[in-house]
Amino acid sequence: MTENLDPADAARPEGYPSHLEAVAILGDGETITIRPIVPADVAEIERAYQAADSDTLFHRFFTAAPALSDKQIHYLAEVDYDRRLALVAFGEDGHGVGIARYEGLTDPARAEVAVVVHPDRRRLGIATELLGRLEQPARERGITELIAVYLPTNRAVAEVFELLGYGQPKIVDGLAQVEKQIG
């Protein structure tokens, strides 16, 4: 998530799906810009990770302060736009406010989704907007089932998945898991 809203100004890797670029209006009337992630977003991911509060890290990584290597941070920013896709959202001030992604699983018809929204920007519909926009490109790539894993105590994300039509959560090894058929 960089401050650069115009992907034309950032290097577009081969296969960059420009048709996924969009503008959305949130419930509070604010406009966000959404686009696929590009490798140049690695600096913003690193900045956001360093600035994240322990609650955000705990809900995303299931631990308070995971040590992410440079290689892992680059992995988050460098996707193939096929089996791995991430969409980033930017507020009107040009700063990143959220990211959602899917990661293909061993079964090519299945992918895991995840989302993170800046703590000050939660409950505005950003997570719902981003996750919803991942479904069509996933279908286009032959993915027919999306899976999400989260902490059962994360009521906010549970509500997002419920709103998007994911099934009832199952508790597996202490984590909630929901699934949605999309194809």
Protein backbone atom coordinates (compact mmCIF):
# COMPACT_ATOMS: atom_id res chain seq x y z
CA MET A 1 0.00 0.00 0.00
CA THR A 2 1.81 3.07 -1.20
CA GLU A 3 0.75 6.65 -1.22
CA ASN A 4 0.74 6.40 -5.01
CA LEU A 5 -2.86 6.05 -6.10
CA ASP A 6 -2.14 5.93 -9.81
CA PRO A 7 -0.84 2.49 -10.74
CA ALA A 8 0.36 3.95 -14.02
CA ASP A 9 3.02 5.71 -11.96
CA ALA A 10 4.09 2.45 -10.31
CA ALA A 11 5.69 -0.36 -12.23
CA ARG A 12 2.95 -2.68 -13.43
CA PRO A 13 4.20 -6.24 -13.43
CA GLU A 14 3.32 -8.59 -16.23
CA GLY A 15 -0.25 -9.77 -15.83
CA TYR A 16 -1.31 -6.74 -13.77
CA PRO A 17 -5.14 -6.79 -13.91
CA SER A 18 -5.91 -3.11 -14.48
CA HIS A 19 -9.61 -3.96 -14.85
CA LEU A 20 -9.68 -4.47 -11.06
CA GLU A 21 -8.87 -0.80 -10.41
CA ALA A 22 -11.91 0.92 -8.90
CA VAL A 23 -13.25 3.71 -6.79
CA ALA A 24 -15.78 2.93 -4.04
CA ILE A 25 -17.85 5.15 -1.79
CA LEU A 26 -18.04 4.04 1.83
CA GLY A 27 -21.04 4.28 4.10
CA ASP A 28 -19.72 7.52 5.60
CA GLY A 29 -19.43 9.07 2.12
CA GLU A 30 -15.65 8.82 1.86
CA THR A 31 -14.18 7.67 -1.43
CA ILE A 32 -11.50 4.98 -1.49
CA THR A 33 -9.38 3.92 -4.42
CA ILE A 34 -8.81 0.19 -4.90
CA ARG A 35 -6.18 -1.45 -7.06
CA PRO A 36 -4.19 -4.67 -7.28
CA ILE A 37 -1.01 -4.65 -5.27
CA VAL A 38 2.31 -3.98 -7.02
CA PRO A 39 5.85 -4.82 -5.83
CA ALA A 40 6.50 -1.13 -5.09
CA ASP A 41 3.92 -1.45 -2.29
CA VAL A 42 6.45 -3.34 -0.17
CA ALA A 43 7.55 -0.15 1.60
CA GLU A 44 3.97 0.66 2.63
CA ILE A 45 3.39 -2.91 3.83
CA GLU A 46 6.53 -2.69 5.93
CA ARG A 47 5.49 0.71 7.31
CA ALA A 48 1.98 -0.54 8.13
CA TYR A 49 3.37 -3.66 9.79
CA GLN A 50 5.78 -1.64 11.92
CA ALA A 51 3.01 0.77 12.96
CA ALA A 52 0.37 -1.91 13.61
CA ASP A 53 -0.96 -2.28 17.12
CA SER A 54 -0.73 -5.61 18.91
CA ASP A 55 -4.49 -6.23 18.51
CA THR A 56 -4.24 -5.93 14.71
CA LEU A 57 -1.21 -8.22 14.58
CA PHE A 58 -2.84 -10.74 16.89
CA HIS A 59 -6.02 -10.92 14.82
CA ARG A 60 -4.13 -11.21 11.52
CA PHE A 61 -1.23 -13.50 12.48
CA PHE A 62 -2.65 -15.15 15.65
CA THR A 63 0.34 -13.86 17.62
CA ALA A 64 1.07 -10.43 19.08
CA ALA A 65 4.31 -9.63 17.29
CA PRO A 66 5.43 -12.04 14.59
CA ALA A 67 8.88 -11.43 13.20
CA LEU A 68 8.46 -10.91 9.45
CA SER A 69 11.62 -11.12 7.39
CA ASP A 70 12.28 -8.94 4.35
CA LYS A 71 11.60 -12.04 2.24
CA GLN A 72 8.17 -12.51 3.86
CA ILE A 73 7.25 -8.84 3.41
CA HIS A 74 8.25 -9.00 -0.27
CA TYR A 75 6.16 -12.16 -0.62
CA LEU A 76 3.12 -10.20 0.56
CA ALA A 77 3.67 -7.48 -2.07
CA GLU A 78 4.68 -9.68 -4.99
CA VAL A 79 1.77 -11.72 -6.31
CA ASP A 80 1.18 -13.55 -9.59
CA TYR A 81 -2.36 -12.10 -10.05
CA ASP A 82 -3.54 -15.66 -10.66
CA ARG A 83 -3.19 -18.07 -7.71
CA ARG A 84 -2.23 -15.14 -5.47
CA LEU A 85 -4.01 -11.79 -5.66
CA ALA A 86 -4.15 -8.83 -3.28
CA LEU A 87 -6.24 -5.69 -3.55
CA VAL A 88 -5.19 -2.56 -1.68
CA ALA A 89 -7.39 0.38 -0.69
CA PHE A 90 -6.29 3.98 -0.28
CA GLY A 91 -8.13 6.78 1.49
CA GLU A 92 -8.65 10.25 0.09
CA ASP A 93 -5.36 11.31 1.70
CA GLY A 94 -3.48 8.73 -0.39
CA HIS A 95 -2.56 6.49 2.54
CA GLY A 96 -3.27 2.78 2.57
CA VAL A 97 -6.34 1.87 4.62
CA GLY A 98 -6.76 -1.84 3.91
CA ILE A 99 -5.66 -4.91 2.04
CA ALA A 100 -7.41 -8.19 1.18
CA ARG A 101 -5.96 -11.18 -0.58
CA TYR A 102 -6.54 -14.68 -1.67
CA GLU A 103 -3.87 -17.37 -1.72
CA GLY A 104 -4.46 -20.50 -3.75
CA LEU A 105 -4.36 -23.75 -1.83
CA THR A 106 -3.04 -27.15 -2.94
CA ASP A 107 -6.45 -27.89 -4.42
CA PRO A 108 -6.58 -25.44 -7.37
CA ALA A 109 -10.32 -24.91 -6.85
CA ARG A 110 -9.78 -23.52 -3.33
CA ALA A 111 -8.17 -20.36 -1.96
CA GLU A 112 -7.80 -18.81 1.46
CA VAL A 113 -8.80 -15.18 1.93
CA ALA A 114 -7.59 -12.67 4.50
CA VAL A 115 -8.15 -8.98 5.15
CA VAL A 116 -6.61 -6.25 7.29
CA VAL A 117 -7.99 -2.73 7.73
CA HIS A 118 -6.28 0.15 9.51
CA PRO A 119 -7.69 0.35 13.08
CA ASP A 120 -8.91 3.93 12.60
CA ARG A 121 -10.82 2.92 9.46
CA ARG A 122 -12.69 -0.13 10.66
CA ARG A 123 -16.49 -0.47 10.55
CA LEU A 124 -16.75 1.66 7.39
CA GLY A 125 -17.19 -1.21 4.92
CA ILE A 126 -13.60 -1.42 3.64
CA ALA A 127 -13.13 -5.12 4.49
CA THR A 128 -16.49 -6.00 2.94
CA GLU A 129 -15.68 -4.01 -0.20
CA LEU A 130 -12.24 -5.56 -0.65
CA LEU A 131 -13.26 -9.16 0.07
CA GLY A 132 -16.29 -8.86 -2.18
CA ARG A 133 -14.10 -7.62 -5.04
CA LEU A 134 -11.85 -10.69 -4.78
CA GLU A 135 -14.63 -13.11 -5.73
CA GLN A 136 -14.93 -12.38 -9.46
CA PRO A 137 -11.19 -12.58 -10.23
CA ALA A 138 -11.02 -15.79 -8.19
CA ARG A 139 -13.89 -17.29 -10.23
CA GLU A 140 -12.18 -16.19 -13.47
CA ARG A 141 -9.14 -18.19 -12.40
CA GLY A 142 -11.08 -21.38 -11.67
CA ILE A 143 -11.36 -20.97 -7.92
CA THR A 144 -14.76 -22.18 -6.75
CA GLU A 145 -14.37 -22.08 -2.96
CA LEU A 146 -13.02 -19.41 -0.64
CA ILE A 147 -11.94 -20.23 2.90
CA ALA A 148 -11.19 -17.87 5.77
CA VAL A 149 -9.58 -18.67 9.11
CA TYR A 150 -9.81 -16.26 12.03
CA LEU A 151 -9.86 -16.12 15.80
CA PRO A 152 -13.32 -16.97 17.15
CA THR A 153 -13.14 -13.84 19.34
CA ASN A 154 -12.78 -11.58 16.27
CA ARG A 155 -16.47 -10.70 16.07
CA ALA A 156 -15.93 -7.88 13.56
CA VAL A 157 -14.41 -10.12 10.89
CA ALA A 158 -16.98 -12.84 11.63
CA GLU A 159 -19.70 -10.29 10.83
CA VAL A 160 -18.00 -9.40 7.52
CA PHE A 161 -17.89 -13.04 6.43
CA GLU A 162 -21.48 -13.54 7.52
CA LEU A 163 -22.55 -10.46 5.52
CA LEU A 164 -20.72 -11.82 2.45
CA GLY A 165 -22.55 -15.15 2.63
CA TYR A 166 -19.87 -17.42 4.04
CA GLY A 167 -21.15 -20.48 5.87
CA GLN A 168 -21.42 -21.01 9.60
CA PRO A 169 -18.03 -21.07 11.32
CA LYS A 170 -16.50 -24.37 12.32
CA ILE A 171 -13.94 -24.38 15.10
CA VAL A 172 -10.83 -26.29 14.01
CA ASP A 173 -7.81 -26.37 16.33
CA GLY A 174 -9.13 -23.34 18.21
CA LEU A 175 -9.65 -21.24 15.07
CA ALA A 176 -12.88 -20.35 13.32
CA GLN A 177 -13.10 -21.43 9.67
CA VAL A 178 -15.74 -20.35 7.18
CA GLU A 179 -16.23 -21.30 3.55
CA LYS A 180 -18.07 -19.88 0.58
CA GLN A 181 -18.84 -21.52 -2.75
CA ILE A 182 -18.32 -18.96 -5.54
CA GLY A 183 -18.39 -21.10 -8.64
